[in-house]
Amino acid sequence: MDAGVPSAEHPEPPHSQARLPEALRDRIGQMIMVGFRGLTAREAQPTLRAIDDGTIGWVVLYDVDAETGGPRNVQSPSQVRELNDAIKAAGKIPVMVTVDAEGGFYHRLKERYGFSPAVPAAAIGERDDPEFTREAAIGIASDLARAGVDLNLAPVVDLMNPGNLTVSARRRSYSADPEEVAVHAGAFIRGHHECGVLTAVKHFPGMGGVLKPYSAGVGEVIENWSEKELVPYRELQTQGLLDAVLASRTTHPELDANDPGCLSPRVVDGILRKQIGFDGVVISDAMEMLPIWDIYGFERGIVMAIQAGCDVLLFCNQSGIVPYSDDRAPAAVDAILRAIDRGELTEAQIDRSCARILALKARRGATA
């Protein structure tokens, strides 16, 4: 096992041990994850400058650009490694590099770029062999580790439901049985830990119900949400396997009739933190997605996500609807600073999130 991944011999450092940056702006910057354009360090210069300025703490890689249809960050294993090395060298605190590598529809490091073949979650669930799941995960995580990726935005632990085309039709879910999902997600995470790669389980509190299409002013609503959706999170938390959790942009009327999961204190702080007991890094869903951007707007969405309990705000720069911007990260940092000035957010909230983030980065040896 990689020494950067916690174990009985190498426990996770408590948040209080993390040395926070002196400048508030730099602490806020640790909370920002962005997508960016460029296959090389030269092409990604605006992002490298923002990292150097302290306004980016995380990046997310994509292979195809949603606006242009052209290549984005992925061309070959050696190219991705060189790009990631440059990204990590750009700041005083190396950024956390992430990617969607679920093994199916949302798998950015594809075989056609020279990476290993990857098995979709549904096929893994049909086989129902945890050892095979672990071996498949090692195949994915080995590619990630060699490419310099720190954290996989996977596995999906939503329950399979024919009424949810996002999860089921794209074969992103292991099973409709929450216990089976927990078993295979645990094997997937352990395989990553063996390779020194962290994971972010998604999409809390579960998208296995019937997903209604986006409606202006309403968002995306999950109907028939069930308590069973929480079982994988409880099981993985009990086993100490939750590195990070990504909270959904969908609204769950049974839990909060008004606001999406990642903007809801009832969902993030109330259920994930207080009921389930997870005190690690919570990542928001993509903030440019219509249920957030269109209904709440850029600045209000940011404030609500932090108030709900999210530590990292995900700006994919990849919506195809909201135009791409190299200034998304500094604009988000400025929005948070204004919210602190207005009294809507506090420095204590920022410090708690920053400490969680630095503790997670320390597990990958990413902090100086």
Foldseek 3Di string as FASTA:
>chain_A
DDQLAADPVRHQDDLVPFDADPDLLLLQLLQEEEEFFDLACVRGVLLLVCQAVNLHQEYEYAQAFQQPRHGGHAQALVSLQRRQVSQQVSYQFGHAYEYACLQFPRHRHDVVSPADHGHFLQVVLVVLDLVVLLVRLLSVLLSCVSSNHAEHADDEQAAADPLACVCHVRRRHNHNQNVSSLSSRQSNLVSNVVSNHAYAYDAPPHQNAHWDDQDQQQGIEGPPDDPSSCSSVLSCVVVVRHLEYEYEQYHYCVQPRGGGQLLALSGCVVPNCPVSNDLAAYEYDACPDCSRCRNQNDLRSLLSNLVSPHLHYYHHLRDNPPHRDSCSSVVSSVSVVVCCVVVSDHSVSSSSSSSRSSSSCSSSVRGD
